[in-house]
Amino acid sequence: MFRQRPDSDLLVEGWVVGVMVEIVGERLPVRHYFAVGRPDRAQAEWAAVDLAMQTGPVASSPSGGREPVEALRELVAYRMRELGLKIGESRALGDKFPRRWLPS
């Protein structure tokens, strides 16, 4: 029998955000991924941009049909606990697709 999770575990507490960063030597911007422990989507996107700017300039226009900044998936409370992301924390996940953070 399955144990149900409390409703508070299913609240959106964070986001996984993709940000297109212009890298020297690359022809096109490269998408970098960030996990952000903020429930508000816009605040999460801005926090991801702040982190991305440490890597390089953020793309100013869409590339290959992708927006420069895009919230990809919300993170619920229990998933954040499983992955060790705290509320208010922002974490760079790199430029490889974060399968662990974005299950299909």
PDB file of N, CA and C in Angstrom:
ATOM      1  N   MET A   1       0.840  -1.162   0.000  1.00  0.00           N
ATOM      2  CA  MET A   1       0.000   0.000   0.000  1.00  0.00           C
ATOM      3  C   MET A   1       0.896   1.239   0.000  1.00  0.00           C
ATOM      4  N   PHE A   2       0.475   2.276  -0.737  1.00  0.00           N
ATOM      5  CA  PHE A   2       1.239   3.515  -0.834  1.00  0.00           C
ATOM      6  C   PHE A   2       0.860   4.461   0.288  1.00  0.00           C
ATOM      7  N   ARG A   3       1.870   5.114   0.813  1.00  0.00           N
ATOM      8  CA  ARG A   3       1.626   6.117   1.836  1.00  0.00           C
ATOM      9  C   ARG A   3       1.487   7.474   1.156  1.00  0.00           C
ATOM     10  N   GLN A   4       0.431   8.208   1.468  1.00  0.00           N
ATOM     11  CA  GLN A   4       0.222   9.502   0.842  1.00  0.00           C
ATOM     12  C   GLN A   4       1.114  10.548   1.485  1.00  0.00           C
ATOM     13  N   ARG A   5       1.553  11.464   0.677  1.00  0.00           N
ATOM     14  CA  ARG A   5       2.359  12.568   1.174  1.00  0.00           C
ATOM     15  C   ARG A   5       1.436  13.660   1.706  1.00  0.00           C
ATOM     16  N   PRO A   6       1.858  14.362   2.739  1.00  0.00           N
ATOM     17  CA  PRO A   6       1.060  15.493   3.213  1.00  0.00           C
ATOM     18  C   PRO A   6       0.955  16.546   2.117  1.00  0.00           C
ATOM     19  N   ASP A   7      -0.146  17.287   2.108  1.00  0.00           N
ATOM     20  CA  ASP A   7      -0.346  18.313   1.085  1.00  0.00           C
ATOM     21  C   ASP A   7       0.777  19.330   1.053  1.00  0.00           C
ATOM     22  N   SER A   8       1.385  19.623   2.204  1.00  0.00           N
ATOM     23  CA  SER A   8       2.468  20.607   2.239  1.00  0.00           C
ATOM     24  C   SER A   8       3.692  20.128   1.452  1.00  0.00           C
ATOM     25  N   ASP A   9       3.867  18.816   1.295  1.00  0.00           N
ATOM     26  CA  ASP A   9       4.980  18.276   0.520  1.00  0.00           C
ATOM     27  C   ASP A   9       4.796  18.486  -0.973  1.00  0.00           C
ATOM     28  N   LEU A  10       3.572  18.795  -1.403  1.00  0.00           N
ATOM     29  CA  LEU A  10       3.291  18.948  -2.821  1.00  0.00           C
ATOM     30  C   LEU A  10       3.227  20.406  -3.256  1.00  0.00           C
ATOM     31  N   LEU A  11       3.538  21.321  -2.342  1.00  0.00           N
ATOM     32  CA  LEU A  11       3.568  22.742  -2.689  1.00  0.00           C
ATOM     33  C   LEU A  11       4.827  23.052  -3.480  1.00  0.00           C
ATOM     34  N   VAL A  12       4.701  23.936  -4.469  1.00  0.00           N
ATOM     35  CA  VAL A  12       5.858  24.355  -5.249  1.00  0.00           C
ATOM     36  C   VAL A  12       6.733  25.241  -4.371  1.00  0.00           C
ATOM     37  N   GLU A  13       7.970  24.828  -4.195  1.00  0.00           N
ATOM     38  CA  GLU A  13       8.915  25.555  -3.347  1.00  0.00           C
ATOM     39  C   GLU A  13      10.108  26.062  -4.140  1.00  0.00           C
ATOM     40  N   GLY A  14      10.263  25.598  -5.396  1.00  0.00           N
ATOM     41  CA  GLY A  14      11.418  26.009  -6.188  1.00  0.00           C
ATOM     42  C   GLY A  14      11.231  25.687  -7.656  1.00  0.00           C
ATOM     43  N   TRP A  15      12.247  26.017  -8.441  1.00  0.00           N
ATOM     44  CA  TRP A  15      12.207  25.836  -9.893  1.00  0.00           C
ATOM     45  C   TRP A  15      13.559  25.377 -10.414  1.00  0.00           C
ATOM     46  N   VAL A  16      13.531  24.665 -11.534  1.00  0.00           N
ATOM     47  CA  VAL A  16      14.729  24.412 -12.318  1.00  0.00           C
ATOM     48  C   VAL A  16      14.632  25.368 -13.501  1.00  0.00           C
ATOM     49  N   VAL A  17      15.678  26.170 -13.692  1.00  0.00           N
ATOM     50  CA  VAL A  17      15.661  27.229 -14.696  1.00  0.00           C
ATOM     51  C   VAL A  17      16.825  27.025 -15.657  1.00  0.00           C
ATOM     52  N   GLY A  18      16.561  27.207 -16.944  1.00  0.00           N
ATOM     53  CA  GLY A  18      17.601  27.178 -17.972  1.00  0.00           C
ATOM     54  C   GLY A  18      17.910  28.588 -18.422  1.00  0.00           C
ATOM     55  N   VAL A  19      19.189  28.926 -18.498  1.00  0.00           N
ATOM     56  CA  VAL A  19      19.618  30.261 -18.924  1.00  0.00           C
ATOM     57  C   VAL A  19      20.652  30.098 -20.041  1.00  0.00           C
ATOM     58  N   MET A  20      20.423  30.779 -21.155  1.00  0.00           N
ATOM     59  CA  MET A  20      21.357  30.738 -22.285  1.00  0.00           C
ATOM     60  C   MET A  20      22.496  31.719 -22.005  1.00  0.00           C
ATOM     61  N   VAL A  21      23.725  31.200 -22.000  1.00  0.00           N
ATOM     62  CA  VAL A  21      24.908  32.007 -21.696  1.00  0.00           C
ATOM     63  C   VAL A  21      25.817  32.021 -22.917  1.00  0.00           C
ATOM     64  N   GLU A  22      26.307  33.210 -23.254  1.00  0.00           N
ATOM     65  CA  GLU A  22      27.250  33.347 -24.367  1.00  0.00           C
ATOM     66  C   GLU A  22      28.649  33.017 -23.861  1.00  0.00           C
ATOM     67  N   ILE A  23      29.232  31.975 -24.430  1.00  0.00           N
ATOM     68  CA  ILE A  23      30.546  31.494 -24.021  1.00  0.00           C
ATOM     69  C   ILE A  23      31.554  31.825 -25.118  1.00  0.00           C
ATOM     70  N   VAL A  24      32.701  32.360 -24.740  1.00  0.00           N
ATOM     71  CA  VAL A  24      33.752  32.676 -25.705  1.00  0.00           C
ATOM     72  C   VAL A  24      34.166  31.395 -26.421  1.00  0.00           C
ATOM     73  N   GLY A  25      34.220  31.464 -27.745  1.00  0.00           N
ATOM     74  CA  GLY A  25      34.613  30.311 -28.543  1.00  0.00           C
ATOM     75  C   GLY A  25      33.448  29.470 -29.031  1.00  0.00           C
ATOM     76  N   GLU A  26      32.266  29.665 -28.458  1.00  0.00           N
ATOM     77  CA  GLU A  26      31.068  28.934 -28.901  1.00  0.00           C
ATOM     78  C   GLU A  26      30.301  29.800 -29.901  1.00  0.00           C
ATOM     79  N   ARG A  27      29.828  29.190 -30.967  1.00  0.00           N
ATOM     80  CA  ARG A  27      29.093  29.917 -32.002  1.00  0.00           C
ATOM     81  C   ARG A  27      27.737  30.383 -31.509  1.00  0.00           C
ATOM     82  N   LEU A  28      27.060  29.531 -30.745  1.00  0.00           N
ATOM     83  CA  LEU A  28      25.731  29.838 -30.214  1.00  0.00           C
ATOM     84  C   LEU A  28      25.777  29.849 -28.688  1.00  0.00           C
ATOM     85  N   PRO A  29      24.825  30.531 -28.049  1.00  0.00           N
ATOM     86  CA  PRO A  29      24.771  30.490 -26.581  1.00  0.00           C
ATOM     87  C   PRO A  29      24.536  29.062 -26.073  1.00  0.00           C
ATOM     88  N   VAL A  30      25.074  28.771 -24.905  1.00  0.00           N
ATOM     89  CA  VAL A  30      24.963  27.446 -24.286  1.00  0.00           C
ATOM     90  C   VAL A  30      24.003  27.548 -23.108  1.00  0.00           C
ATOM     91  N   ARG A  31      23.056  26.608 -23.041  1.00  0.00           N
ATOM     92  CA  ARG A  31      22.105  26.617 -21.930  1.00  0.00           C
ATOM     93  C   ARG A  31      22.753  26.033 -20.678  1.00  0.00           C
ATOM     94  N   HIS A  32      22.674  26.797 -19.603  1.00  0.00           N
ATOM     95  CA  HIS A  32      23.126  26.343 -18.293  1.00  0.00           C
ATOM     96  C   HIS A  32      21.896  26.188 -17.411  1.00  0.00           C
ATOM     97  N   TYR A  33      21.949  25.241 -16.496  1.00  0.00           N
ATOM     98  CA  TYR A  33      20.802  24.907 -15.657  1.00  0.00           C
ATOM     99  C   TYR A  33      21.068  25.295 -14.211  1.00  0.00           C
ATOM    100  N   PHE A  34      19.999  25.722 -13.546  1.00  0.00           N
ATOM    101  CA  PHE A  34      20.088  26.167 -12.163  1.00  0.00           C
ATOM    102  C   PHE A  34      18.890  25.655 -11.381  1.00  0.00           C
ATOM    103  N   ALA A  35      19.123  25.255 -10.139  1.00  0.00           N
ATOM    104  CA  ALA A  35      18.042  24.897  -9.217  1.00  0.00           C
ATOM    105  C   ALA A  35      17.916  26.063  -8.250  1.00  0.00           C
ATOM    106  N   VAL A  36      16.690  26.574  -8.120  1.00  0.00           N
ATOM    107  CA  VAL A  36      16.473  27.754  -7.287  1.00  0.00           C
ATOM    108  C   VAL A  36      15.348  27.469  -6.300  1.00  0.00           C
ATOM    109  N   GLY A  37      15.615  27.635  -5.025  1.00  0.00           N
ATOM    110  CA  GLY A  37      14.633  27.375  -3.970  1.00  0.00           C
ATOM    111  C   GLY A  37      13.769  28.590  -3.672  1.00  0.00           C
ATOM    112  N   ARG A  38      13.047  29.051  -4.668  1.00  0.00           N
ATOM    113  CA  ARG A  38      12.097  30.161  -4.502  1.00  0.00           C
ATOM    114  C   ARG A  38      10.783  29.756  -5.160  1.00  0.00           C
ATOM    115  N   PRO A  39       9.665  29.885  -4.451  1.00  0.00           N
ATOM    116  CA  PRO A  39       8.388  29.450  -5.017  1.00  0.00           C
ATOM    117  C   PRO A  39       7.878  30.345  -6.145  1.00  0.00           C
ATOM    118  N   ASP A  40       8.257  31.624  -6.144  1.00  0.00           N
ATOM    119  CA  ASP A  40       7.813  32.543  -7.188  1.00  0.00           C
ATOM    120  C   ASP A  40       8.662  32.337  -8.445  1.00  0.00           C
ATOM    121  N   ARG A  41       7.998  32.067  -9.567  1.00  0.00           N
ATOM    122  CA  ARG A  41       8.708  31.750 -10.809  1.00  0.00           C
ATOM    123  C   ARG A  41       9.615  32.895 -11.268  1.00  0.00           C
ATOM    124  N   ALA A  42       9.104  34.115 -11.246  1.00  0.00           N
ATOM    125  CA  ALA A  42       9.895  35.259 -11.707  1.00  0.00           C
ATOM    126  C   ALA A  42      11.125  35.468 -10.821  1.00  0.00           C
ATOM    127  N   GLN A  43      10.963  35.346  -9.516  1.00  0.00           N
ATOM    128  CA  GLN A  43      12.109  35.494  -8.610  1.00  0.00           C
ATOM    129  C   GLN A  43      13.141  34.395  -8.854  1.00  0.00           C
ATOM    130  N   ALA A  44      12.663  33.189  -9.135  1.00  0.00           N
ATOM    131  CA  ALA A  44      13.574  32.075  -9.422  1.00  0.00           C
ATOM    132  C   ALA A  44      14.355  32.341 -10.706  1.00  0.00           C
ATOM    133  N   GLU A  45      13.677  32.866 -11.730  1.00  0.00           N
ATOM    134  CA  GLU A  45      14.367  33.164 -12.983  1.00  0.00           C
ATOM    135  C   GLU A  45      15.434  34.244 -12.784  1.00  0.00           C
ATOM    136  N   TRP A  46      15.108  35.281 -12.012  1.00  0.00           N
ATOM    137  CA  TRP A  46      16.089  36.340 -11.762  1.00  0.00           C
ATOM    138  C   TRP A  46      17.275  35.810 -10.956  1.00  0.00           C
ATOM    139  N   ALA A  47      17.029  34.973  -9.981  1.00  0.00           N
ATOM    140  CA  ALA A  47      18.119  34.390  -9.193  1.00  0.00           C
ATOM    141  C   ALA A  47      19.029  33.552 -10.095  1.00  0.00           C
ATOM    142  N   ALA A  48      18.436  32.812 -11.041  1.00  0.00           N
ATOM    143  CA  ALA A  48      19.227  32.006 -11.975  1.00  0.00           C
ATOM    144  C   ALA A  48      20.054  32.901 -12.891  1.00  0.00           C
ATOM    145  N   VAL A  49      19.485  34.013 -13.338  1.00  0.00           N
ATOM    146  CA  VAL A  49      20.235  34.952 -14.178  1.00  0.00           C
ATOM    147  C   VAL A  49      21.422  35.520 -13.407  1.00  0.00           C
ATOM    148  N   ASP A  50      21.206  35.859 -12.149  1.00  0.00           N
ATOM    149  CA  ASP A  50      22.302  36.377 -11.323  1.00  0.00           C
ATOM    150  C   ASP A  50      23.458  35.374 -11.257  1.00  0.00           C
ATOM    151  N   LEU A  51      23.137  34.098 -11.082  1.00  0.00           N
ATOM    152  CA  LEU A  51      24.178  33.069 -11.047  1.00  0.00           C
ATOM    153  C   LEU A  51      24.819  32.881 -12.421  1.00  0.00           C
ATOM    154  N   ALA A  52      24.016  32.921 -13.466  1.00  0.00           N
ATOM    155  CA  ALA A  52      24.519  32.703 -14.823  1.00  0.00           C
ATOM    156  C   ALA A  52      25.496  33.793 -15.238  1.00  0.00           C
ATOM    157  N   MET A  53      25.302  34.998 -14.749  1.00  0.00           N
ATOM    158  CA  MET A  53      26.178  36.116 -15.123  1.00  0.00           C
ATOM    159  C   MET A  53      27.597  35.905 -14.603  1.00  0.00           C
ATOM    160  N   GLN A  54      27.784  35.018 -13.658  1.00  0.00           N
ATOM    161  CA  GLN A  54      29.125  34.678 -13.190  1.00  0.00           C
ATOM    162  C   GLN A  54      29.875  33.845 -14.227  1.00  0.00           C
ATOM    163  N   THR A  55      29.112  33.151 -15.086  1.00  0.00           N
ATOM    164  CA  THR A  55      29.697  32.313 -16.130  1.00  0.00           C
ATOM    165  C   THR A  55      30.009  33.122 -17.384  1.00  0.00           C
ATOM    166  N   GLY A  56      29.125  34.057 -17.709  1.00  0.00           N
ATOM    167  CA  GLY A  56      29.296  34.870 -18.907  1.00  0.00           C
ATOM    168  C   GLY A  56      28.050  35.689 -19.161  1.00  0.00           C
ATOM    169  N   PRO A  57      28.050  36.478 -20.237  1.00  0.00           N
ATOM    170  CA  PRO A  57      26.872  37.287 -20.546  1.00  0.00           C
ATOM    171  C   PRO A  57      25.670  36.412 -20.904  1.00  0.00           C
ATOM    172  N   VAL A  58      24.502  36.815 -20.440  1.00  0.00           N
ATOM    173  CA  VAL A  58      23.267  36.096 -20.747  1.00  0.00           C
ATOM    174  C   VAL A  58      22.809  36.515 -22.139  1.00  0.00           C
ATOM    175  N   ALA A  59      22.368  35.546 -22.944  1.00  0.00           N
ATOM    176  CA  ALA A  59      21.879  35.846 -24.296  1.00  0.00           C
ATOM    177  C   ALA A  59      20.724  36.829 -24.220  1.00  0.00           C
ATOM    178  N   SER A  60      20.669  37.734 -25.194  1.00  0.00           N
ATOM    179  CA  SER A  60      19.636  38.766 -25.180  1.00  0.00           C
ATOM    180  C   SER A  60      18.445  38.441 -26.061  1.00  0.00           C
ATOM    181  N   SER A  61      18.541  37.392 -26.871  1.00  0.00           N
ATOM    182  CA  SER A  61      17.416  37.022 -27.727  1.00  0.00           C
ATOM    183  C   SER A  61      17.340  35.500 -27.823  1.00  0.00           C
ATOM    184  N   PRO A  62      16.179  34.980 -28.255  1.00  0.00           N
ATOM    185  CA  PRO A  62      16.033  33.517 -28.377  1.00  0.00           C
ATOM    186  C   PRO A  62      17.073  32.915 -29.329  1.00  0.00           C
ATOM    187  N   SER A  63      17.423  31.676 -29.070  1.00  0.00           N
ATOM    188  CA  SER A  63      18.378  30.959 -29.900  1.00  0.00           C
ATOM    189  C   SER A  63      17.873  29.542 -30.114  1.00  0.00           C
ATOM    190  N   GLY A  64      17.729  29.144 -31.348  1.00  0.00           N
ATOM    191  CA  GLY A  64      17.278  27.790 -31.649  1.00  0.00           C
ATOM    192  C   GLY A  64      15.895  27.490 -31.107  1.00  0.00           C
ATOM    193  N   GLY A  65      15.041  28.518 -31.053  1.00  0.00           N
ATOM    194  CA  GLY A  65      13.678  28.331 -30.564  1.00  0.00           C
ATOM    195  C   GLY A  65      13.550  28.307 -29.054  1.00  0.00           C
ATOM    196  N   ARG A  66      14.629  28.571 -28.357  1.00  0.00           N
ATOM    197  CA  ARG A  66      14.614  28.585 -26.891  1.00  0.00           C
ATOM    198  C   ARG A  66      14.752  30.010 -26.384  1.00  0.00           C
ATOM    199  N   GLU A  67      13.999  30.318 -25.360  1.00  0.00           N
ATOM    200  CA  GLU A  67      14.086  31.627 -24.725  1.00  0.00           C
ATOM    201  C   GLU A  67      15.398  31.730 -23.944  1.00  0.00           C
ATOM    202  N   PRO A  68      15.958  32.934 -23.795  1.00  0.00           N
ATOM    203  CA  PRO A  68      17.207  33.077 -23.044  1.00  0.00           C
ATOM    204  C   PRO A  68      17.086  32.633 -21.585  1.00  0.00           C
ATOM    205  N   VAL A  69      15.936  32.885 -20.970  1.00  0.00           N
ATOM    206  CA  VAL A  69      15.697  32.460 -19.585  1.00  0.00           C
ATOM    207  C   VAL A  69      14.356  31.745 -19.558  1.00  0.00           C
ATOM    208  N   GLU A  70      14.344  30.520 -19.052  1.00  0.00           N
ATOM    209  CA  GLU A  70      13.118  29.729 -19.087  1.00  0.00           C
ATOM    210  C   GLU A  70      13.037  28.811 -17.861  1.00  0.00           C
ATOM    211  N   ALA A  71      11.960  28.980 -17.096  1.00  0.00           N
ATOM    212  CA  ALA A  71      11.699  28.052 -15.987  1.00  0.00           C
ATOM    213  C   ALA A  71      11.222  26.739 -16.598  1.00  0.00           C
ATOM    214  N   LEU A  72      11.939  25.665 -16.358  1.00  0.00           N
ATOM    215  CA  LEU A  72      11.654  24.392 -17.011  1.00  0.00           C
ATOM    216  C   LEU A  72      10.690  23.509 -16.230  1.00  0.00           C
ATOM    217  N   ARG A  73      10.838  23.505 -14.919  1.00  0.00           N
ATOM    218  CA  ARG A  73       9.970  22.650 -14.109  1.00  0.00           C
ATOM    219  C   ARG A  73       9.970  23.142 -12.679  1.00  0.00           C
ATOM    220  N   GLU A  74       8.798  23.032 -12.051  1.00  0.00           N
ATOM    221  CA  GLU A  74       8.705  23.395 -10.640  1.00  0.00           C
ATOM    222  C   GLU A  74       9.227  22.243  -9.780  1.00  0.00           C
ATOM    223  N   LEU A  75       9.694  22.601  -8.610  1.00  0.00           N
ATOM    224  CA  LEU A  75      10.169  21.610  -7.637  1.00  0.00           C
ATOM    225  C   LEU A  75       9.255  21.673  -6.429  1.00  0.00           C
ATOM    226  N   VAL A  76       8.709  20.533  -6.051  1.00  0.00           N
ATOM    227  CA  VAL A  76       7.852  20.492  -4.868  1.00  0.00           C
ATOM    228  C   VAL A  76       8.708  20.220  -3.635  1.00  0.00           C
ATOM    229  N   ALA A  77       8.133  20.483  -2.472  1.00  0.00           N
ATOM    230  CA  ALA A  77       8.877  20.453  -1.202  1.00  0.00           C
ATOM    231  C   ALA A  77       9.602  19.119  -0.974  1.00  0.00           C
ATOM    232  N   TYR A  78       8.926  17.997  -1.162  1.00  0.00           N
ATOM    233  CA  TYR A  78       9.572  16.714  -0.864  1.00  0.00           C
ATOM    234  C   TYR A  78      10.729  16.440  -1.820  1.00  0.00           C
ATOM    235  N   ARG A  79      10.617  16.883  -3.072  1.00  0.00           N
ATOM    236  CA  ARG A  79      11.691  16.674  -4.052  1.00  0.00           C
ATOM    237  C   ARG A  79      12.907  17.534  -3.706  1.00  0.00           C
ATOM    238  N   MET A  80      12.647  18.753  -3.234  1.00  0.00           N
ATOM    239  CA  MET A  80      13.750  19.617  -2.813  1.00  0.00           C
ATOM    240  C   MET A  80      14.498  18.996  -1.645  1.00  0.00           C
ATOM    241  N   ARG A  81      13.750  18.419  -0.702  1.00  0.00           N
ATOM    242  CA  ARG A  81      14.405  17.751   0.435  1.00  0.00           C
ATOM    243  C   ARG A  81      15.254  16.579  -0.053  1.00  0.00           C
ATOM    244  N   GLU A  82      14.708  15.793  -0.983  1.00  0.00           N
ATOM    245  CA  GLU A  82      15.456  14.652  -1.509  1.00  0.00           C
ATOM    246  C   GLU A  82      16.766  15.080  -2.172  1.00  0.00           C
ATOM    247  N   LEU A  83      16.745  16.230  -2.849  1.00  0.00           N
ATOM    248  CA  LEU A  83      17.909  16.698  -3.587  1.00  0.00           C
ATOM    249  C   LEU A  83      18.796  17.642  -2.778  1.00  0.00           C
ATOM    250  N   GLY A  84      18.365  17.974  -1.556  1.00  0.00           N
ATOM    251  CA  GLY A  84      19.181  18.798  -0.666  1.00  0.00           C
ATOM    252  C   GLY A  84      19.176  20.281  -0.987  1.00  0.00           C
ATOM    253  N   LEU A  85      18.123  20.774  -1.631  1.00  0.00           N
ATOM    254  CA  LEU A  85      18.019  22.199  -1.940  1.00  0.00           C
ATOM    255  C   LEU A  85      17.144  22.869  -0.898  1.00  0.00           C
ATOM    256  N   LYS A  86      17.686  23.903  -0.280  1.00  0.00           N
ATOM    257  CA  LYS A  86      16.939  24.617   0.767  1.00  0.00           C
ATOM    258  C   LYS A  86      16.188  25.797   0.173  1.00  0.00           C
ATOM    259  N   ILE A  87      15.149  26.240   0.852  1.00  0.00           N
ATOM    260  CA  ILE A  87      14.403  27.419   0.420  1.00  0.00           C
ATOM    261  C   ILE A  87      15.347  28.616   0.456  1.00  0.00           C
ATOM    262  N   GLY A  88      15.349  29.387  -0.616  1.00  0.00           N
ATOM    263  CA  GLY A  88      16.210  30.557  -0.735  1.00  0.00           C
ATOM    264  C   GLY A  88      17.572  30.261  -1.337  1.00  0.00           C
ATOM    265  N   GLU A  89      17.931  28.996  -1.469  1.00  0.00           N
ATOM    266  CA  GLU A  89      19.231  28.607  -2.022  1.00  0.00           C
ATOM    267  C   GLU A  89      19.155  28.546  -3.540  1.00  0.00           C
ATOM    268  N   SER A  90      20.240  28.922  -4.202  1.00  0.00           N
ATOM    269  CA  SER A  90      20.371  28.784  -5.654  1.00  0.00           C
ATOM    270  C   SER A  90      21.611  27.954  -5.930  1.00  0.00           C
ATOM    271  N   ARG A  91      21.484  27.034  -6.877  1.00  0.00           N
ATOM    272  CA  ARG A  91      22.586  26.115  -7.153  1.00  0.00           C
ATOM    273  C   ARG A  91      22.786  25.971  -8.661  1.00  0.00           C
ATOM    274  N   ALA A  92      24.012  26.152  -9.117  1.00  0.00           N
ATOM    275  CA  ALA A  92      24.344  25.925 -10.525  1.00  0.00           C
ATOM    276  C   ALA A  92      24.427  24.419 -10.768  1.00  0.00           C
ATOM    277  N   LEU A  93      23.772  23.949 -11.834  1.00  0.00           N
ATOM    278  CA  LEU A  93      23.764  22.522 -12.154  1.00  0.00           C
ATOM    279  C   LEU A  93      24.628  22.193 -13.366  1.00  0.00           C
ATOM    280  N   GLY A  94      25.199  23.210 -14.016  1.00  0.00           N
ATOM    281  CA  GLY A  94      26.070  22.981 -15.163  1.00  0.00           C
ATOM    282  C   GLY A  94      25.339  23.098 -16.485  1.00  0.00           C
ATOM    283  N   ASP A  95      26.043  22.715 -17.554  1.00  0.00           N
ATOM    284  CA  ASP A  95      25.472  22.855 -18.891  1.00  0.00           C
ATOM    285  C   ASP A  95      24.968  21.539 -19.483  1.00  0.00           C
ATOM    286  N   LYS A  96      25.066  20.471 -18.753  1.00  0.00           N
ATOM    287  CA  LYS A  96      24.507  19.184 -19.194  1.00  0.00           C
ATOM    288  C   LYS A  96      23.082  19.055 -18.669  1.00  0.00           C
ATOM    289  N   PHE A  97      22.205  18.423 -19.439  1.00  0.00           N
ATOM    290  CA  PHE A  97      20.808  18.275 -19.039  1.00  0.00           C
ATOM    291  C   PHE A  97      20.734  17.595 -17.664  1.00  0.00           C
ATOM    292  N   PRO A  98      20.101  18.250 -16.686  1.00  0.00           N
ATOM    293  CA  PRO A  98      20.082  17.717 -15.313  1.00  0.00           C
ATOM    294  C   PRO A  98      19.006  16.646 -15.119  1.00  0.00           C
ATOM    295  N   ARG A  99      19.285  15.430 -15.584  1.00  0.00           N
ATOM    296  CA  ARG A  99      18.290  14.342 -15.522  1.00  0.00           C
ATOM    297  C   ARG A  99      17.796  14.086 -14.116  1.00  0.00           C
ATOM    298  N   ARG A 100      18.674  14.201 -13.172  1.00  0.00           N
ATOM    299  CA  ARG A 100      18.290  13.938 -11.779  1.00  0.00           C
ATOM    300  C   ARG A 100      17.250  14.956 -11.296  1.00  0.00           C
ATOM    301  N   TRP A 101      17.346  16.186 -11.771  1.00  0.00           N
ATOM    302  CA  TRP A 101      16.457  17.261 -11.348  1.00  0.00           C
ATOM    303  C   TRP A 101      15.203  17.340 -12.209  1.00  0.00           C
ATOM    304  N   LEU A 102      15.270  16.839 -13.438  1.00  0.00           N
ATOM    305  CA  LEU A 102      14.143  16.929 -14.377  1.00  0.00           C
ATOM    306  C   LEU A 102      13.732  15.540 -14.862  1.00  0.00           C
ATOM    307  N   PRO A 103      13.115  14.747 -14.012  1.00  0.00           N
ATOM    308  CA  PRO A 103      12.700  13.415 -14.476  1.00  0.00           C
ATOM    309  C   PRO A 103      11.656  13.545 -15.571  1.00  0.00           C
ATOM    310  N   SER A 104      11.702  12.648 -16.504  1.00  0.00           N
ATOM    311  CA  SER A 104      10.741  12.725 -17.633  1.00  0.00           C
ATOM    312  C   SER A 104       9.417  12.086 -17.301  1.00  0.00           C
TER     313      SER A 104
END
